[in-house]
Amino acid sequence: MAEIRAETAANVFQVTTHEGDRVDEGDTLLILEAMKMEVPVLTEDPGRVISVDVDEGDVVQEGDLLAVVE
């Protein structure tokens, strides 16, 4: 299982995957907005999304859990 965590403080701009979705390496899980730039959060390995732990509009801090992929 891979925990996907925020690399920086940001706003959750868009959630592009949902619990139960299958993802491939390099797929976009969600998009963060930091300093007026959109930052895609990509999967590193293929799998299934176990949970998405944020909603659009949330504010996250560095290290916050964003999603879990199995």
PDB file of N, CA and C in Angstrom:
ATOM      1  N   MET A   1       0.849  -1.182   0.000  1.00  0.00           N
ATOM      2  CA  MET A   1       0.000   0.000   0.000  1.00  0.00           C
ATOM      3  C   MET A   1       0.891   1.240   0.000  1.00  0.00           C
ATOM      4  N   ALA A   2       0.485   2.225  -0.777  1.00  0.00           N
ATOM      5  CA  ALA A   2       1.249   3.468  -0.854  1.00  0.00           C
ATOM      6  C   ALA A   2       0.400   4.621  -0.333  1.00  0.00           C
ATOM      7  N   GLU A   3       0.939   5.317   0.650  1.00  0.00           N
ATOM      8  CA  GLU A   3       0.279   6.531   1.143  1.00  0.00           C
ATOM      9  C   GLU A   3       0.805   7.710   0.331  1.00  0.00           C
ATOM     10  N   ILE A   4      -0.095   8.458  -0.273  1.00  0.00           N
ATOM     11  CA  ILE A   4       0.285   9.625  -1.055  1.00  0.00           C
ATOM     12  C   ILE A   4       0.118  10.837  -0.142  1.00  0.00           C
ATOM     13  N   ARG A   5       1.194  11.573   0.070  1.00  0.00           N
ATOM     14  CA  ARG A   5       1.185  12.715   0.998  1.00  0.00           C
ATOM     15  C   ARG A   5       1.541  14.004   0.270  1.00  0.00           C
ATOM     16  N   ALA A   6       1.063  15.110   0.827  1.00  0.00           N
ATOM     17  CA  ALA A   6       1.337  16.428   0.242  1.00  0.00           C
ATOM     18  C   ALA A   6       2.815  16.763   0.396  1.00  0.00           C
ATOM     19  N   GLU A   7       3.407  17.259  -0.666  1.00  0.00           N
ATOM     20  CA  GLU A   7       4.814  17.658  -0.620  1.00  0.00           C
ATOM     21  C   GLU A   7       4.992  19.095  -0.146  1.00  0.00           C
ATOM     22  N   THR A   8       3.898  19.854  -0.136  1.00  0.00           N
ATOM     23  CA  THR A   8       3.957  21.249   0.273  1.00  0.00           C
ATOM     24  C   THR A   8       2.569  21.689   0.730  1.00  0.00           C
ATOM     25  N   ALA A   9       2.487  22.816   1.405  1.00  0.00           N
ATOM     26  CA  ALA A   9       1.185  23.390   1.765  1.00  0.00           C
ATOM     27  C   ALA A   9       0.497  23.850   0.481  1.00  0.00           C
ATOM     28  N   ALA A  10      -0.792  23.546   0.363  1.00  0.00           N
ATOM     29  CA  ALA A  10      -1.515  23.879  -0.870  1.00  0.00           C
ATOM     30  C   ALA A  10      -3.013  23.768  -0.649  1.00  0.00           C
ATOM     31  N   ASN A  11      -3.761  24.229  -1.648  1.00  0.00           N
ATOM     32  CA  ASN A  11      -5.205  24.030  -1.692  1.00  0.00           C
ATOM     33  C   ASN A  11      -5.480  22.852  -2.624  1.00  0.00           C
ATOM     34  N   VAL A  12      -6.491  22.055  -2.295  1.00  0.00           N
ATOM     35  CA  VAL A  12      -6.896  20.975  -3.191  1.00  0.00           C
ATOM     36  C   VAL A  12      -7.775  21.616  -4.262  1.00  0.00           C
ATOM     37  N   PHE A  13      -7.258  21.670  -5.480  1.00  0.00           N
ATOM     38  CA  PHE A  13      -7.943  22.331  -6.580  1.00  0.00           C
ATOM     39  C   PHE A  13      -8.970  21.403  -7.229  1.00  0.00           C
ATOM     40  N   GLN A  14      -8.561  20.142  -7.502  1.00  0.00           N
ATOM     41  CA  GLN A  14      -9.455  19.203  -8.171  1.00  0.00           C
ATOM     42  C   GLN A  14      -9.088  17.781  -7.772  1.00  0.00           C
ATOM     43  N   VAL A  15     -10.102  16.975  -7.471  1.00  0.00           N
ATOM     44  CA  VAL A  15      -9.921  15.550  -7.208  1.00  0.00           C
ATOM     45  C   VAL A  15     -10.339  14.812  -8.476  1.00  0.00           C
ATOM     46  N   THR A  16      -9.401  14.058  -9.063  1.00  0.00           N
ATOM     47  CA  THR A  16      -9.665  13.422 -10.357  1.00  0.00           C
ATOM     48  C   THR A  16      -9.894  11.917 -10.261  1.00  0.00           C
ATOM     49  N   THR A  17      -9.678  11.319  -9.093  1.00  0.00           N
ATOM     50  CA  THR A  17      -9.946   9.894  -8.897  1.00  0.00           C
ATOM     51  C   THR A  17     -10.799   9.710  -7.653  1.00  0.00           C
ATOM     52  N   HIS A  18     -11.404   8.540  -7.572  1.00  0.00           N
ATOM     53  CA  HIS A  18     -12.288   8.246  -6.448  1.00  0.00           C
ATOM     54  C   HIS A  18     -11.975   6.865  -5.881  1.00  0.00           C
ATOM     55  N   GLU A  19     -12.430   6.620  -4.687  1.00  0.00           N
ATOM     56  CA  GLU A  19     -12.250   5.334  -4.046  1.00  0.00           C
ATOM     57  C   GLU A  19     -12.728   4.219  -4.974  1.00  0.00           C
ATOM     58  N   GLY A  20     -11.890   3.183  -5.136  1.00  0.00           N
ATOM     59  CA  GLY A  20     -12.236   2.046  -5.983  1.00  0.00           C
ATOM     60  C   GLY A  20     -11.715   2.143  -7.409  1.00  0.00           C
ATOM     61  N   ASP A  21     -11.286   3.332  -7.850  1.00  0.00           N
ATOM     62  CA  ASP A  21     -10.758   3.497  -9.212  1.00  0.00           C
ATOM     63  C   ASP A  21      -9.450   2.731  -9.378  1.00  0.00           C
ATOM     64  N   ARG A  22      -9.222   2.169 -10.558  1.00  0.00           N
ATOM     65  CA  ARG A  22      -7.937   1.571 -10.915  1.00  0.00           C
ATOM     66  C   ARG A  22      -7.071   2.684 -11.512  1.00  0.00           C
ATOM     67  N   VAL A  23      -5.799   2.701 -11.135  1.00  0.00           N
ATOM     68  CA  VAL A  23      -4.881   3.711 -11.657  1.00  0.00           C
ATOM     69  C   VAL A  23      -3.617   3.029 -12.167  1.00  0.00           C
ATOM     70  N   ASP A  24      -2.992   3.649 -13.144  1.00  0.00           N
ATOM     71  CA  ASP A  24      -1.718   3.190 -13.679  1.00  0.00           C
ATOM     72  C   ASP A  24      -0.622   4.142 -13.237  1.00  0.00           C
ATOM     73  N   GLU A  25       0.602   3.704 -13.346  1.00  0.00           N
ATOM     74  CA  GLU A  25       1.746   4.545 -13.013  1.00  0.00           C
ATOM     75  C   GLU A  25       1.669   5.851 -13.801  1.00  0.00           C
ATOM     76  N   GLY A  26       1.798   6.972 -13.119  1.00  0.00           N
ATOM     77  CA  GLY A  26       1.780   8.278 -13.772  1.00  0.00           C
ATOM     78  C   GLY A  26       0.414   8.913 -13.902  1.00  0.00           C
ATOM     79  N   ASP A  27      -0.661   8.207 -13.489  1.00  0.00           N
ATOM     80  CA  ASP A  27      -1.996   8.810 -13.529  1.00  0.00           C
ATOM     81  C   ASP A  27      -2.111   9.924 -12.490  1.00  0.00           C
ATOM     82  N   THR A  28      -2.929  10.926 -12.790  1.00  0.00           N
ATOM     83  CA  THR A  28      -3.158  12.032 -11.865  1.00  0.00           C
ATOM     84  C   THR A  28      -4.252  11.648 -10.878  1.00  0.00           C
ATOM     85  N   LEU A  29      -3.917  11.703  -9.579  1.00  0.00           N
ATOM     86  CA  LEU A  29      -4.901  11.436  -8.525  1.00  0.00           C
ATOM     87  C   LEU A  29      -5.700  12.680  -8.196  1.00  0.00           C
ATOM     88  N   LEU A  30      -4.998  13.796  -8.101  1.00  0.00           N
ATOM     89  CA  LEU A  30      -5.636  15.070  -7.798  1.00  0.00           C
ATOM     90  C   LEU A  30      -4.692  16.187  -8.180  1.00  0.00           C
ATOM     91  N   ILE A  31      -5.224  17.400  -8.146  1.00  0.00           N
ATOM     92  CA  ILE A  31      -4.419  18.572  -8.495  1.00  0.00           C
ATOM     93  C   ILE A  31      -4.446  19.533  -7.315  1.00  0.00           C
ATOM     94  N   LEU A  32      -3.251  19.924  -6.892  1.00  0.00           N
ATOM     95  CA  LEU A  32      -3.116  20.917  -5.825  1.00  0.00           C
ATOM     96  C   LEU A  32      -2.821  22.267  -6.452  1.00  0.00           C
ATOM     97  N   GLU A  33      -3.155  23.322  -5.736  1.00  0.00           N
ATOM     98  CA  GLU A  33      -2.790  24.671  -6.166  1.00  0.00           C
ATOM     99  C   GLU A  33      -1.903  25.270  -5.079  1.00  0.00           C
ATOM    100  N   ALA A  34      -0.693  25.634  -5.475  1.00  0.00           N
ATOM    101  CA  ALA A  34       0.265  26.238  -4.552  1.00  0.00           C
ATOM    102  C   ALA A  34       0.905  27.433  -5.248  1.00  0.00           C
ATOM    103  N   MET A  35       0.817  28.580  -4.619  1.00  0.00           N
ATOM    104  CA  MET A  35       1.406  29.809  -5.155  1.00  0.00           C
ATOM    105  C   MET A  35       0.924  30.075  -6.582  1.00  0.00           C
ATOM    106  N   LYS A  36      -0.390  29.895  -6.807  1.00  0.00           N
ATOM    107  CA  LYS A  36      -1.060  30.154  -8.081  1.00  0.00           C
ATOM    108  C   LYS A  36      -0.603  29.236  -9.204  1.00  0.00           C
ATOM    109  N   MET A  37       0.007  28.103  -8.836  1.00  0.00           N
ATOM    110  CA  MET A  37       0.414  27.104  -9.820  1.00  0.00           C
ATOM    111  C   MET A  37      -0.327  25.810  -9.540  1.00  0.00           C
ATOM    112  N   GLU A  38      -0.792  25.145 -10.593  1.00  0.00           N
ATOM    113  CA  GLU A  38      -1.434  23.847 -10.444  1.00  0.00           C
ATOM    114  C   GLU A  38      -0.361  22.761 -10.417  1.00  0.00           C
ATOM    115  N   VAL A  39      -0.429  21.912  -9.390  1.00  0.00           N
ATOM    116  CA  VAL A  39       0.568  20.869  -9.192  1.00  0.00           C
ATOM    117  C   VAL A  39      -0.136  19.510  -9.196  1.00  0.00           C
ATOM    118  N   PRO A  40       0.020  18.708 -10.266  1.00  0.00           N
ATOM    119  CA  PRO A  40      -0.624  17.393 -10.280  1.00  0.00           C
ATOM    120  C   PRO A  40       0.066  16.439  -9.305  1.00  0.00           C
ATOM    121  N   VAL A  41      -0.734  15.617  -8.625  1.00  0.00           N
ATOM    122  CA  VAL A  41      -0.221  14.572  -7.745  1.00  0.00           C
ATOM    123  C   VAL A  41      -0.404  13.267  -8.504  1.00  0.00           C
ATOM    124  N   LEU A  42       0.717  12.621  -8.848  1.00  0.00           N
ATOM    125  CA  LEU A  42       0.709  11.446  -9.709  1.00  0.00           C
ATOM    126  C   LEU A  42       0.935  10.173  -8.909  1.00  0.00           C
ATOM    127  N   THR A  43       0.428   9.045  -9.442  1.00  0.00           N
ATOM    128  CA  THR A  43       0.701   7.743  -8.834  1.00  0.00           C
ATOM    129  C   THR A  43       2.078   7.278  -9.265  1.00  0.00           C
ATOM    130  N   GLU A  44       2.757   6.563  -8.375  1.00  0.00           N
ATOM    131  CA  GLU A  44       4.071   6.017  -8.716  1.00  0.00           C
ATOM    132  C   GLU A  44       3.968   4.574  -9.186  1.00  0.00           C
ATOM    133  N   ASP A  45       2.909   3.876  -8.769  1.00  0.00           N
ATOM    134  CA  ASP A  45       2.721   2.476  -9.122  1.00  0.00           C
ATOM    135  C   ASP A  45       1.262   2.239  -9.501  1.00  0.00           C
ATOM    136  N   PRO A  46       1.003   1.236 -10.345  1.00  0.00           N
ATOM    137  CA  PRO A  46      -0.388   0.904 -10.661  1.00  0.00           C
ATOM    138  C   PRO A  46      -1.072   0.283  -9.445  1.00  0.00           C
ATOM    139  N   GLY A  47      -2.395   0.395  -9.387  1.00  0.00           N
ATOM    140  CA  GLY A  47      -3.134  -0.207  -8.286  1.00  0.00           C
ATOM    141  C   GLY A  47      -4.561   0.273  -8.249  1.00  0.00           C
ATOM    142  N   ARG A  48      -5.159   0.140  -7.062  1.00  0.00           N
ATOM    143  CA  ARG A  48      -6.540   0.562  -6.849  1.00  0.00           C
ATOM    144  C   ARG A  48      -6.554   1.599  -5.746  1.00  0.00           C
ATOM    145  N   VAL A  49      -7.346   2.653  -5.938  1.00  0.00           N
ATOM    146  CA  VAL A  49      -7.455   3.715  -4.941  1.00  0.00           C
ATOM    147  C   VAL A  49      -8.276   3.180  -3.769  1.00  0.00           C
ATOM    148  N   ILE A  50      -7.656   3.110  -2.609  1.00  0.00           N
ATOM    149  CA  ILE A  50      -8.321   2.630  -1.393  1.00  0.00           C
ATOM    150  C   ILE A  50      -9.109   3.766  -0.752  1.00  0.00           C
ATOM    151  N   SER A  51      -8.489   4.951  -0.704  1.00  0.00           N
ATOM    152  CA  SER A  51      -9.188   6.102  -0.121  1.00  0.00           C
ATOM    153  C   SER A  51      -8.637   7.397  -0.698  1.00  0.00           C
ATOM    154  N   VAL A  52      -9.510   8.383  -0.781  1.00  0.00           N
ATOM    155  CA  VAL A  52      -9.125   9.759  -1.093  1.00  0.00           C
ATOM    156  C   VAL A  52      -9.498  10.545   0.158  1.00  0.00           C
ATOM    157  N   ASP A  53      -8.497  11.097   0.820  1.00  0.00           N
ATOM    158  CA  ASP A  53      -8.682  11.665   2.150  1.00  0.00           C
ATOM    159  C   ASP A  53      -8.848  13.179   2.166  1.00  0.00           C
ATOM    160  N   VAL A  54      -9.059  13.778   0.992  1.00  0.00           N
ATOM    161  CA  VAL A  54      -9.271  15.226   0.903  1.00  0.00           C
ATOM    162  C   VAL A  54     -10.428  15.502  -0.053  1.00  0.00           C
ATOM    163  N   ASP A  55     -10.980  16.691   0.047  1.00  0.00           N
ATOM    164  CA  ASP A  55     -12.039  17.152  -0.847  1.00  0.00           C
ATOM    165  C   ASP A  55     -11.574  18.422  -1.542  1.00  0.00           C
ATOM    166  N   GLU A  56     -12.174  18.713  -2.684  1.00  0.00           N
ATOM    167  CA  GLU A  56     -11.854  19.965  -3.378  1.00  0.00           C
ATOM    168  C   GLU A  56     -12.105  21.136  -2.433  1.00  0.00           C
ATOM    169  N   GLY A  57     -11.168  22.070  -2.406  1.00  0.00           N
ATOM    170  CA  GLY A  57     -11.278  23.239  -1.544  1.00  0.00           C
ATOM    171  C   GLY A  57     -10.569  23.095  -0.213  1.00  0.00           C
ATOM    172  N   ASP A  58     -10.178  21.862   0.149  1.00  0.00           N
ATOM    173  CA  ASP A  58      -9.442  21.669   1.407  1.00  0.00           C
ATOM    174  C   ASP A  58      -8.069  22.332   1.325  1.00  0.00           C
ATOM    175  N   VAL A  59      -7.548  22.704   2.471  1.00  0.00           N
ATOM    176  CA  VAL A  59      -6.181  23.210   2.586  1.00  0.00           C
ATOM    177  C   VAL A  59      -5.357  22.119   3.256  1.00  0.00           C
ATOM    178  N   VAL A  60      -4.241  21.750   2.629  1.00  0.00           N
ATOM    179  CA  VAL A  60      -3.377  20.715   3.188  1.00  0.00           C
ATOM    180  C   VAL A  60      -2.012  21.305   3.521  1.00  0.00           C
ATOM    181  N   GLN A  61      -1.366  20.663   4.469  1.00  0.00           N
ATOM    182  CA  GLN A  61      -0.021  21.054   4.876  1.00  0.00           C
ATOM    183  C   GLN A  61       0.956  19.965   4.425  1.00  0.00           C
ATOM    184  N   GLU A  62       2.219  20.307   4.359  1.00  0.00           N
ATOM    185  CA  GLU A  62       3.246  19.347   3.983  1.00  0.00           C
ATOM    186  C   GLU A  62       3.131  18.101   4.861  1.00  0.00           C
ATOM    187  N   GLY A  63       3.093  16.936   4.227  1.00  0.00           N
ATOM    188  CA  GLY A  63       3.018  15.674   4.949  1.00  0.00           C
ATOM    189  C   GLY A  63       1.617  15.147   5.188  1.00  0.00           C
ATOM    190  N   ASP A  64       0.584  15.949   4.918  1.00  0.00           N
ATOM    191  CA  ASP A  64      -0.794  15.495   5.104  1.00  0.00           C
ATOM    192  C   ASP A  64      -1.114  14.355   4.135  1.00  0.00           C
ATOM    193  N   LEU A  65      -1.901  13.383   4.605  1.00  0.00           N
ATOM    194  CA  LEU A  65      -2.318  12.264   3.775  1.00  0.00           C
ATOM    195  C   LEU A  65      -3.344  12.733   2.756  1.00  0.00           C
ATOM    196  N   LEU A  66      -3.087  12.435   1.484  1.00  0.00           N
ATOM    197  CA  LEU A  66      -3.997  12.802   0.395  1.00  0.00           C
ATOM    198  C   LEU A  66      -4.828  11.606  -0.066  1.00  0.00           C
ATOM    199  N   ALA A  67      -4.152  10.464  -0.241  1.00  0.00           N
ATOM    200  CA  ALA A  67      -4.831   9.268  -0.747  1.00  0.00           C
ATOM    201  C   ALA A  67      -3.998   8.045  -0.421  1.00  0.00           C
ATOM    202  N   VAL A  68      -4.650   6.888  -0.530  1.00  0.00           N
ATOM    203  CA  VAL A  68      -3.962   5.607  -0.351  1.00  0.00           C
ATOM    204  C   VAL A  68      -4.255   4.755  -1.587  1.00  0.00           C
ATOM    205  N   VAL A  69      -3.183   4.202  -2.178  1.00  0.00           N
ATOM    206  CA  VAL A  69      -3.304   3.337  -3.352  1.00  0.00           C
ATOM    207  C   VAL A  69      -2.720   1.980  -2.997  1.00  0.00           C
ATOM    208  N   GLU A  70      -3.464   0.913  -3.336  1.00  0.00           N
ATOM    209  CA  GLU A  70      -3.002  -0.455  -3.046  1.00  0.00           C
ATOM    210  C   GLU A  70      -2.520  -1.104  -4.319  1.00  0.00           C
TER     211      GLU A  70
END
